[in-house]
Amino acid sequence: MTAARRRFTQEFKDELCREVINTSKPIKDVATAYGVGPETRRNWLNKYREANGCTDTEVTLPEQARLKELERENQELRSETLFLKKAAAYFAREQR
């Protein structure tokens, strides 16, 4: 037995699209909050962008450099965090 297919108004779809675009929230988070599948949300967003002429803005060269720097820093911090977790686990075993 299959579940009845849910229908959503265009106004509801557009509102969720605007929420994703304006707040920069991940599609998955918005979809989960409203009980809609992420792929469905993604399809709505693509159609909304086509209909309204919204495209992702081009990232400028300084923004690309800054983004690359932040990604490198993020990776470094993740590595340090992982190392510290392992060290804490090791010394916790030593204490016993």
PDB file of N, CA and C in Angstrom:
ATOM      1  N   MET A   1       0.840  -1.172   0.000  1.00  0.00           N
ATOM      2  CA  MET A   1       0.000   0.000   0.000  1.00  0.00           C
ATOM      3  C   MET A   1       0.887   1.239   0.000  1.00  0.00           C
ATOM      4  N   THR A   2       0.636   2.140  -0.909  1.00  0.00           N
ATOM      5  CA  THR A   2       1.453   3.345  -1.006  1.00  0.00           C
ATOM      6  C   THR A   2       0.761   4.511  -0.328  1.00  0.00           C
ATOM      7  N   ALA A   3       1.568   5.406   0.150  1.00  0.00           N
ATOM      8  CA  ALA A   3       1.027   6.598   0.808  1.00  0.00           C
ATOM      9  C   ALA A   3       0.502   7.555  -0.260  1.00  0.00           C
ATOM     10  N   ALA A   4      -0.508   8.301   0.097  1.00  0.00           N
ATOM     11  CA  ALA A   4      -1.063   9.288  -0.824  1.00  0.00           C
ATOM     12  C   ALA A   4      -0.018  10.365  -1.082  1.00  0.00           C
ATOM     13  N   ARG A   5       0.068  10.798  -2.309  1.00  0.00           N
ATOM     14  CA  ARG A   5       1.033  11.811  -2.676  1.00  0.00           C
ATOM     15  C   ARG A   5       0.589  13.171  -2.157  1.00  0.00           C
ATOM     16  N   ARG A   6       1.487  13.839  -1.456  1.00  0.00           N
ATOM     17  CA  ARG A   6       1.160  15.153  -0.904  1.00  0.00           C
ATOM     18  C   ARG A   6       1.317  16.215  -1.971  1.00  0.00           C
ATOM     19  N   ARG A   7       0.468  17.219  -1.917  1.00  0.00           N
ATOM     20  CA  ARG A   7       0.536  18.340  -2.852  1.00  0.00           C
ATOM     21  C   ARG A   7       0.840  19.604  -2.058  1.00  0.00           C
ATOM     22  N   PHE A   8       1.690  20.441  -2.630  1.00  0.00           N
ATOM     23  CA  PHE A   8       2.062  21.690  -1.977  1.00  0.00           C
ATOM     24  C   PHE A   8       1.719  22.843  -2.909  1.00  0.00           C
ATOM     25  N   THR A   9       1.291  23.941  -2.338  1.00  0.00           N
ATOM     26  CA  THR A   9       0.961  25.113  -3.145  1.00  0.00           C
ATOM     27  C   THR A   9       2.247  25.754  -3.654  1.00  0.00           C
ATOM     28  N   GLN A  10       2.117  26.480  -4.740  1.00  0.00           N
ATOM     29  CA  GLN A  10       3.276  27.171  -5.300  1.00  0.00           C
ATOM     30  C   GLN A  10       3.800  28.214  -4.321  1.00  0.00           C
ATOM     31  N   GLU A  11       2.894  28.821  -3.575  1.00  0.00           N
ATOM     32  CA  GLU A  11       3.293  29.819  -2.577  1.00  0.00           C
ATOM     33  C   GLU A  11       4.187  29.192  -1.507  1.00  0.00           C
ATOM     34  N   PHE A  12       3.815  27.993  -1.049  1.00  0.00           N
ATOM     35  CA  PHE A  12       4.601  27.269  -0.053  1.00  0.00           C
ATOM     36  C   PHE A  12       5.983  26.933  -0.612  1.00  0.00           C
ATOM     37  N   LYS A  13       6.035  26.451  -1.841  1.00  0.00           N
ATOM     38  CA  LYS A  13       7.303  26.098  -2.476  1.00  0.00           C
ATOM     39  C   LYS A  13       8.204  27.328  -2.601  1.00  0.00           C
ATOM     40  N   ASP A  14       7.597  28.439  -3.056  1.00  0.00           N
ATOM     41  CA  ASP A  14       8.376  29.666  -3.222  1.00  0.00           C
ATOM     42  C   ASP A  14       8.910  30.182  -1.895  1.00  0.00           C
ATOM     43  N   GLU A  15       8.095  30.069  -0.857  1.00  0.00           N
ATOM     44  CA  GLU A  15       8.536  30.531   0.464  1.00  0.00           C
ATOM     45  C   GLU A  15       9.732  29.731   0.951  1.00  0.00           C
ATOM     46  N   LEU A  16       9.711  28.416   0.772  1.00  0.00           N
ATOM     47  CA  LEU A  16      10.846  27.592   1.187  1.00  0.00           C
ATOM     48  C   LEU A  16      12.091  27.923   0.358  1.00  0.00           C
ATOM     49  N   CYS A  17      11.899  28.194  -0.931  1.00  0.00           N
ATOM     50  CA  CYS A  17      13.026  28.574  -1.785  1.00  0.00           C
ATOM     51  C   CYS A  17      13.636  29.880  -1.317  1.00  0.00           C
ATOM     52  N   ARG A  18      12.793  30.844  -0.995  1.00  0.00           N
ATOM     53  CA  ARG A  18      13.314  32.134  -0.511  1.00  0.00           C
ATOM     54  C   ARG A  18      14.052  31.951   0.813  1.00  0.00           C
ATOM     55  N   GLU A  19      13.561  31.063   1.653  1.00  0.00           N
ATOM     56  CA  GLU A  19      14.238  30.817   2.930  1.00  0.00           C
ATOM     57  C   GLU A  19      15.644  30.264   2.702  1.00  0.00           C
ATOM     58  N   VAL A  20      15.771  29.330   1.781  1.00  0.00           N
ATOM     59  CA  VAL A  20      17.085  28.758   1.485  1.00  0.00           C
ATOM     60  C   VAL A  20      18.013  29.829   0.923  1.00  0.00           C
ATOM     61  N   ILE A  21      17.504  30.633  -0.013  1.00  0.00           N
ATOM     62  CA  ILE A  21      18.333  31.643  -0.668  1.00  0.00           C
ATOM     63  C   ILE A  21      18.712  32.776   0.284  1.00  0.00           C
ATOM     64  N   ASN A  22      17.749  33.296   1.028  1.00  0.00           N
ATOM     65  CA  ASN A  22      17.989  34.459   1.876  1.00  0.00           C
ATOM     66  C   ASN A  22      18.789  34.153   3.130  1.00  0.00           C
ATOM     67  N   THR A  23      18.591  32.988   3.711  1.00  0.00           N
ATOM     68  CA  THR A  23      19.273  32.667   4.961  1.00  0.00           C
ATOM     69  C   THR A  23      20.515  31.822   4.768  1.00  0.00           C
ATOM     70  N   SER A  24      20.731  31.324   3.552  1.00  0.00           N
ATOM     71  CA  SER A  24      21.864  30.447   3.238  1.00  0.00           C
ATOM     72  C   SER A  24      21.860  29.175   4.078  1.00  0.00           C
ATOM     73  N   LYS A  25      20.684  28.772   4.508  1.00  0.00           N
ATOM     74  CA  LYS A  25      20.568  27.505   5.236  1.00  0.00           C
ATOM     75  C   LYS A  25      20.723  26.359   4.247  1.00  0.00           C
ATOM     76  N   PRO A  26      21.256  25.232   4.684  1.00  0.00           N
ATOM     77  CA  PRO A  26      21.347  24.076   3.799  1.00  0.00           C
ATOM     78  C   PRO A  26      19.950  23.587   3.404  1.00  0.00           C
ATOM     79  N   ILE A  27      19.844  23.110   2.185  1.00  0.00           N
ATOM     80  CA  ILE A  27      18.562  22.616   1.679  1.00  0.00           C
ATOM     81  C   ILE A  27      18.033  21.509   2.577  1.00  0.00           C
ATOM     82  N   LYS A  28      18.912  20.639   3.020  1.00  0.00           N
ATOM     83  CA  LYS A  28      18.498  19.505   3.846  1.00  0.00           C
ATOM     84  C   LYS A  28      17.849  19.970   5.150  1.00  0.00           C
ATOM     85  N   ASP A  29      18.416  21.003   5.775  1.00  0.00           N
ATOM     86  CA  ASP A  29      17.880  21.504   7.039  1.00  0.00           C
ATOM     87  C   ASP A  29      16.474  22.078   6.856  1.00  0.00           C
ATOM     88  N   VAL A  30      16.295  22.861   5.799  1.00  0.00           N
ATOM     89  CA  VAL A  30      14.980  23.460   5.540  1.00  0.00           C
ATOM     90  C   VAL A  30      13.971  22.366   5.202  1.00  0.00           C
ATOM     91  N   ALA A  31      14.383  21.414   4.386  1.00  0.00           N
ATOM     92  CA  ALA A  31      13.487  20.326   3.992  1.00  0.00           C
ATOM     93  C   ALA A  31      13.044  19.521   5.209  1.00  0.00           C
ATOM     94  N   THR A  32      13.976  19.197   6.083  1.00  0.00           N
ATOM     95  CA  THR A  32      13.658  18.425   7.283  1.00  0.00           C
ATOM     96  C   THR A  32      12.723  19.202   8.205  1.00  0.00           C
ATOM     97  N   ALA A  33      12.958  20.491   8.340  1.00  0.00           N
ATOM     98  CA  ALA A  33      12.133  21.321   9.215  1.00  0.00           C
ATOM     99  C   ALA A  33      10.672  21.353   8.758  1.00  0.00           C
ATOM    100  N   TYR A  34      10.460  21.285   7.456  1.00  0.00           N
ATOM    101  CA  TYR A  34       9.098  21.358   6.928  1.00  0.00           C
ATOM    102  C   TYR A  34       8.545  20.004   6.495  1.00  0.00           C
ATOM    103  N   GLY A  35       9.290  18.934   6.712  1.00  0.00           N
ATOM    104  CA  GLY A  35       8.803  17.597   6.392  1.00  0.00           C
ATOM    105  C   GLY A  35       8.745  17.302   4.900  1.00  0.00           C
ATOM    106  N   VAL A  36       9.687  17.862   4.168  1.00  0.00           N
ATOM    107  CA  VAL A  36       9.756  17.648   2.725  1.00  0.00           C
ATOM    108  C   VAL A  36      11.088  16.979   2.425  1.00  0.00           C
ATOM    109  N   GLY A  37      11.108  16.102   1.439  1.00  0.00           N
ATOM    110  CA  GLY A  37      12.350  15.434   1.072  1.00  0.00           C
ATOM    111  C   GLY A  37      13.366  16.403   0.492  1.00  0.00           C
ATOM    112  N   PRO A  38      14.650  16.213   0.794  1.00  0.00           N
ATOM    113  CA  PRO A  38      15.681  17.120   0.304  1.00  0.00           C
ATOM    114  C   PRO A  38      15.759  17.185  -1.228  1.00  0.00           C
ATOM    115  N   GLU A  39      15.573  16.063  -1.896  1.00  0.00           N
ATOM    116  CA  GLU A  39      15.628  16.080  -3.360  1.00  0.00           C
ATOM    117  C   GLU A  39      14.451  16.842  -3.943  1.00  0.00           C
ATOM    118  N   THR A  40      13.295  16.698  -3.323  1.00  0.00           N
ATOM    119  CA  THR A  40      12.124  17.469  -3.759  1.00  0.00           C
ATOM    120  C   THR A  40      12.414  18.947  -3.596  1.00  0.00           C
ATOM    121  N   ARG A  41      12.978  19.319  -2.460  1.00  0.00           N
ATOM    122  CA  ARG A  41      13.334  20.711  -2.175  1.00  0.00           C
ATOM    123  C   ARG A  41      14.314  21.229  -3.203  1.00  0.00           C
ATOM    124  N   ARG A  42      15.306  20.408  -3.541  1.00  0.00           N
ATOM    125  CA  ARG A  42      16.330  20.802  -4.506  1.00  0.00           C
ATOM    126  C   ARG A  42      15.695  21.063  -5.878  1.00  0.00           C
ATOM    127  N   ASN A  43      14.758  20.200  -6.271  1.00  0.00           N
ATOM    128  CA  ASN A  43      14.067  20.391  -7.542  1.00  0.00           C
ATOM    129  C   ASN A  43      13.271  21.687  -7.535  1.00  0.00           C
ATOM    130  N   TRP A  44      12.562  21.952  -6.441  1.00  0.00           N
ATOM    131  CA  TRP A  44      11.792  23.200  -6.327  1.00  0.00           C
ATOM    132  C   TRP A  44      12.719  24.400  -6.461  1.00  0.00           C
ATOM    133  N   LEU A  45      13.866  24.325  -5.800  1.00  0.00           N
ATOM    134  CA  LEU A  45      14.816  25.435  -5.810  1.00  0.00           C
ATOM    135  C   LEU A  45      15.349  25.687  -7.221  1.00  0.00           C
ATOM    136  N   ASN A  46      15.672  24.619  -7.937  1.00  0.00           N
ATOM    137  CA  ASN A  46      16.155  24.776  -9.315  1.00  0.00           C
ATOM    138  C   ASN A  46      15.090  25.438 -10.191  1.00  0.00           C
ATOM    139  N   LYS A  47      13.843  25.002 -10.063  1.00  0.00           N
ATOM    140  CA  LYS A  47      12.749  25.590 -10.840  1.00  0.00           C
ATOM    141  C   LYS A  47      12.529  27.050 -10.445  1.00  0.00           C
ATOM    142  N   TYR A  48      12.617  27.348  -9.149  1.00  0.00           N
ATOM    143  CA  TYR A  48      12.435  28.717  -8.665  1.00  0.00           C
ATOM    144  C   TYR A  48      13.507  29.629  -9.242  1.00  0.00           C
ATOM    145  N   ARG A  49      14.747  29.167  -9.230  1.00  0.00           N
ATOM    146  CA  ARG A  49      15.847  29.973  -9.758  1.00  0.00           C
ATOM    147  C   ARG A  49      15.696  30.205 -11.259  1.00  0.00           C
ATOM    148  N   GLU A  50      15.252  29.187 -11.994  1.00  0.00           N
ATOM    149  CA  GLU A  50      15.027  29.350 -13.434  1.00  0.00           C
ATOM    150  C   GLU A  50      13.908  30.349 -13.698  1.00  0.00           C
ATOM    151  N   ALA A  51      12.817  30.235 -12.950  1.00  0.00           N
ATOM    152  CA  ALA A  51      11.653  31.089 -13.171  1.00  0.00           C
ATOM    153  C   ALA A  51      11.926  32.545 -12.796  1.00  0.00           C
ATOM    154  N   ASN A  52      12.715  32.768 -11.768  1.00  0.00           N
ATOM    155  CA  ASN A  52      12.950  34.120 -11.268  1.00  0.00           C
ATOM    156  C   ASN A  52      14.282  34.705 -11.685  1.00  0.00           C
ATOM    157  N   GLY A  53      15.003  34.007 -12.530  1.00  0.00           N
ATOM    158  CA  GLY A  53      16.279  34.536 -13.002  1.00  0.00           C
ATOM    159  C   GLY A  53      17.333  34.604 -11.924  1.00  0.00           C
ATOM    160  N   CYS A  54      17.154  33.866 -10.852  1.00  0.00           N
ATOM    161  CA  CYS A  54      18.136  33.855  -9.766  1.00  0.00           C
ATOM    162  C   CYS A  54      19.232  32.856 -10.117  1.00  0.00           C
ATOM    163  N   THR A  55      20.441  33.314 -10.094  1.00  0.00           N
ATOM    164  CA  THR A  55      21.569  32.416 -10.297  1.00  0.00           C
ATOM    165  C   THR A  55      22.515  32.606  -9.136  1.00  0.00           C
ATOM    166  N   ASP A  56      23.319  31.626  -8.917  1.00  0.00           N
ATOM    167  CA  ASP A  56      24.332  31.770  -7.871  1.00  0.00           C
ATOM    168  C   ASP A  56      25.290  32.873  -8.309  1.00  0.00           C
ATOM    169  N   THR A  57      25.601  33.745  -7.381  1.00  0.00           N
ATOM    170  CA  THR A  57      26.481  34.852  -7.717  1.00  0.00           C
ATOM    171  C   THR A  57      27.897  34.339  -7.944  1.00  0.00           C
ATOM    172  N   GLU A  58      28.577  34.995  -8.842  1.00  0.00           N
ATOM    173  CA  GLU A  58      29.968  34.645  -9.138  1.00  0.00           C
ATOM    174  C   GLU A  58      30.830  35.011  -7.933  1.00  0.00           C
ATOM    175  N   VAL A  59      31.771  34.161  -7.635  1.00  0.00           N
ATOM    176  CA  VAL A  59      32.685  34.413  -6.530  1.00  0.00           C
ATOM    177  C   VAL A  59      33.893  35.136  -7.109  1.00  0.00           C
ATOM    178  N   THR A  60      34.213  36.286  -6.527  1.00  0.00           N
ATOM    179  CA  THR A  60      35.332  37.076  -7.024  1.00  0.00           C
ATOM    180  C   THR A  60      36.649  36.443  -6.610  1.00  0.00           C
ATOM    181  N   LEU A  61      37.717  36.895  -7.229  1.00  0.00           N
ATOM    182  CA  LEU A  61      39.045  36.350  -6.954  1.00  0.00           C
ATOM    183  C   LEU A  61      39.454  36.512  -5.490  1.00  0.00           C
ATOM    184  N   PRO A  62      39.259  37.690  -4.871  1.00  0.00           N
ATOM    185  CA  PRO A  62      39.603  37.803  -3.446  1.00  0.00           C
ATOM    186  C   PRO A  62      38.745  36.875  -2.572  1.00  0.00           C
ATOM    187  N   GLU A  63      37.476  36.714  -2.946  1.00  0.00           N
ATOM    188  CA  GLU A  63      36.616  35.810  -2.176  1.00  0.00           C
ATOM    189  C   GLU A  63      37.088  34.375  -2.318  1.00  0.00           C
ATOM    190  N   GLN A  64      37.528  33.996  -3.524  1.00  0.00           N
ATOM    191  CA  GLN A  64      38.046  32.648  -3.734  1.00  0.00           C
ATOM    192  C   GLN A  64      39.290  32.407  -2.886  1.00  0.00           C
ATOM    193  N   ALA A  65      40.171  33.399  -2.831  1.00  0.00           N
ATOM    194  CA  ALA A  65      41.388  33.265  -2.034  1.00  0.00           C
ATOM    195  C   ALA A  65      41.037  33.135  -0.556  1.00  0.00           C
ATOM    196  N   ARG A  66      40.108  33.956  -0.091  1.00  0.00           N
ATOM    197  CA  ARG A  66      39.690  33.906   1.312  1.00  0.00           C
ATOM    198  C   ARG A  66      39.028  32.566   1.634  1.00  0.00           C
ATOM    199  N   LEU A  67      38.203  32.087   0.714  1.00  0.00           N
ATOM    200  CA  LEU A  67      37.529  30.804   0.904  1.00  0.00           C
ATOM    201  C   LEU A  67      38.553  29.677   0.989  1.00  0.00           C
ATOM    202  N   LYS A  68      39.542  29.710   0.110  1.00  0.00           N
ATOM    203  CA  LYS A  68      40.579  28.682   0.130  1.00  0.00           C
ATOM    204  C   LYS A  68      41.359  28.728   1.449  1.00  0.00           C
ATOM    205  N   GLU A  69      41.649  29.938   1.922  1.00  0.00           N
ATOM    206  CA  GLU A  69      42.359  30.109   3.192  1.00  0.00           C
ATOM    207  C   GLU A  69      41.535  29.550   4.351  1.00  0.00           C
ATOM    208  N   LEU A  70      40.252  29.837   4.360  1.00  0.00           N
ATOM    209  CA  LEU A  70      39.377  29.346   5.427  1.00  0.00           C
ATOM    210  C   LEU A  70      39.235  27.829   5.384  1.00  0.00           C
ATOM    211  N   GLU A  71      39.162  27.267   4.185  1.00  0.00           N
ATOM    212  CA  GLU A  71      39.085  25.811   4.068  1.00  0.00           C
ATOM    213  C   GLU A  71      40.353  25.154   4.588  1.00  0.00           C
ATOM    214  N   ARG A  72      41.500  25.752   4.281  1.00  0.00           N
ATOM    215  CA  ARG A  72      42.772  25.218   4.777  1.00  0.00           C
ATOM    216  C   ARG A  72      42.825  25.290   6.302  1.00  0.00           C
ATOM    217  N   GLU A  73      42.404  26.426   6.846  1.00  0.00           N
ATOM    218  CA  GLU A  73      42.387  26.600   8.302  1.00  0.00           C
ATOM    219  C   GLU A  73      41.420  25.610   8.956  1.00  0.00           C
ATOM    220  N   ASN A  74      40.272  25.417   8.322  1.00  0.00           N
ATOM    221  CA  ASN A  74      39.288  24.481   8.844  1.00  0.00           C
ATOM    222  C   ASN A  74      39.866  23.067   8.888  1.00  0.00           C
ATOM    223  N   GLN A  75      40.544  22.653   7.833  1.00  0.00           N
ATOM    224  CA  GLN A  75      41.156  21.328   7.792  1.00  0.00           C
ATOM    225  C   GLN A  75      42.216  21.173   8.874  1.00  0.00           C
ATOM    226  N   GLU A  76      43.002  22.228   9.072  1.00  0.00           N
ATOM    227  CA  GLU A  76      44.037  22.198  10.102  1.00  0.00           C
ATOM    228  C   GLU A  76      43.413  22.054  11.493  1.00  0.00           C
ATOM    229  N   LEU A  77      42.363  22.790  11.753  1.00  0.00           N
ATOM    230  CA  LEU A  77      41.694  22.716  13.052  1.00  0.00           C
ATOM    231  C   LEU A  77      41.057  21.351  13.270  1.00  0.00           C
ATOM    232  N   ARG A  78      40.502  20.773  12.221  1.00  0.00           N
ATOM    233  CA  ARG A  78      39.934  19.424  12.352  1.00  0.00           C
ATOM    234  C   ARG A  78      41.025  18.415  12.695  1.00  0.00           C
ATOM    235  N   SER A  79      42.181  18.550  12.060  1.00  0.00           N
ATOM    236  CA  SER A  79      43.297  17.642  12.341  1.00  0.00           C
ATOM    237  C   SER A  79      43.756  17.783  13.784  1.00  0.00           C
ATOM    238  N   GLU A  80      43.874  19.018  14.241  1.00  0.00           N
ATOM    239  CA  GLU A  80      44.289  19.255  15.628  1.00  0.00           C
ATOM    240  C   GLU A  80      43.270  18.687  16.612  1.00  0.00           C
ATOM    241  N   THR A  81      42.009  18.881  16.325  1.00  0.00           N
ATOM    242  CA  THR A  81      40.949  18.355  17.192  1.00  0.00           C
ATOM    243  C   THR A  81      41.009  16.833  17.258  1.00  0.00           C
ATOM    244  N   LEU A  82      41.193  16.191  16.120  1.00  0.00           N
ATOM    245  CA  LEU A  82      41.288  14.737  16.081  1.00  0.00           C
ATOM    246  C   LEU A  82      42.488  14.253  16.892  1.00  0.00           C
ATOM    247  N   PHE A  83      43.619  14.929  16.749  1.00  0.00           N
ATOM    248  CA  PHE A  83      44.810  14.567  17.502  1.00  0.00           C
ATOM    249  C   PHE A  83      44.564  14.696  19.009  1.00  0.00           C
ATOM    250  N   LEU A  84      43.947  15.803  19.404  1.00  0.00           N
ATOM    251  CA  LEU A  84      43.693  16.025  20.829  1.00  0.00           C
ATOM    252  C   LEU A  84      42.711  15.002  21.395  1.00  0.00           C
ATOM    253  N   LYS A  85      41.729  14.600  20.621  1.00  0.00           N
ATOM    254  CA  LYS A  85      40.790  13.563  21.075  1.00  0.00           C
ATOM    255  C   LYS A  85      41.526  12.244  21.302  1.00  0.00           C
ATOM    256  N   LYS A  86      42.401  11.907  20.358  1.00  0.00           N
ATOM    257  CA  LYS A  86      43.161  10.661  20.488  1.00  0.00           C
ATOM    258  C   LYS A  86      44.090  10.725  21.693  1.00  0.00           C
ATOM    259  N   ALA A  87      44.738  11.872  21.899  1.00  0.00           N
ATOM    260  CA  ALA A  87      45.640  12.030  23.038  1.00  0.00           C
ATOM    261  C   ALA A  87      44.876  11.936  24.351  1.00  0.00           C
ATOM    262  N   ALA A  88      43.702  12.559  24.396  1.00  0.00           N
ATOM    263  CA  ALA A  88      42.894  12.501  25.620  1.00  0.00           C
ATOM    264  C   ALA A  88      42.469  11.066  25.920  1.00  0.00           C
ATOM    265  N   ALA A  89      42.093  10.318  24.891  1.00  0.00           N
ATOM    266  CA  ALA A  89      41.694   8.921  25.086  1.00  0.00           C
ATOM    267  C   ALA A  89      42.885   8.094  25.570  1.00  0.00           C
ATOM    268  N   TYR A  90      44.049   8.350  24.999  1.00  0.00           N
ATOM    269  CA  TYR A  90      45.256   7.621  25.395  1.00  0.00           C
ATOM    270  C   TYR A  90      45.585   7.876  26.866  1.00  0.00           C
ATOM    271  N   PHE A  91      45.597   9.145  27.264  1.00  0.00           N
ATOM    272  CA  PHE A  91      45.953   9.472  28.651  1.00  0.00           C
ATOM    273  C   PHE A  91      44.856   9.043  29.626  1.00  0.00           C
ATOM    274  N   ALA A  92      43.628   8.979  29.189  1.00  0.00           N
ATOM    275  CA  ALA A  92      42.556   8.482  30.057  1.00  0.00           C
ATOM    276  C   ALA A  92      42.778   6.997  30.360  1.00  0.00           C
ATOM    277  N   ARG A  93      43.252   6.248  29.367  1.00  0.00           N
ATOM    278  CA  ARG A  93      43.551   4.826  29.591  1.00  0.00           C
ATOM    279  C   ARG A  93      44.745   4.660  30.505  1.00  0.00           C
ATOM    280  N   GLU A  94      45.722   5.545  30.382  1.00  0.00           N
ATOM    281  CA  GLU A  94      46.931   5.491  31.213  1.00  0.00           C
ATOM    282  C   GLU A  94      46.599   5.739  32.691  1.00  0.00           C
ATOM    283  N   GLN A  95      45.610   6.559  32.964  1.00  0.00           N
ATOM    284  CA  GLN A  95      45.239   6.904  34.330  1.00  0.00           C
ATOM    285  C   GLN A  95      44.624   5.712  35.065  1.00  0.00           C
ATOM    286  N   ARG A  96      44.042   4.800  34.343  1.00  0.00           N
ATOM    287  CA  ARG A  96      43.340   3.665  34.978  1.00  0.00           C
ATOM    288  C   ARG A  96      44.258   2.656  35.468  1.00  0.00           C
TER     289      ARG A  96
END
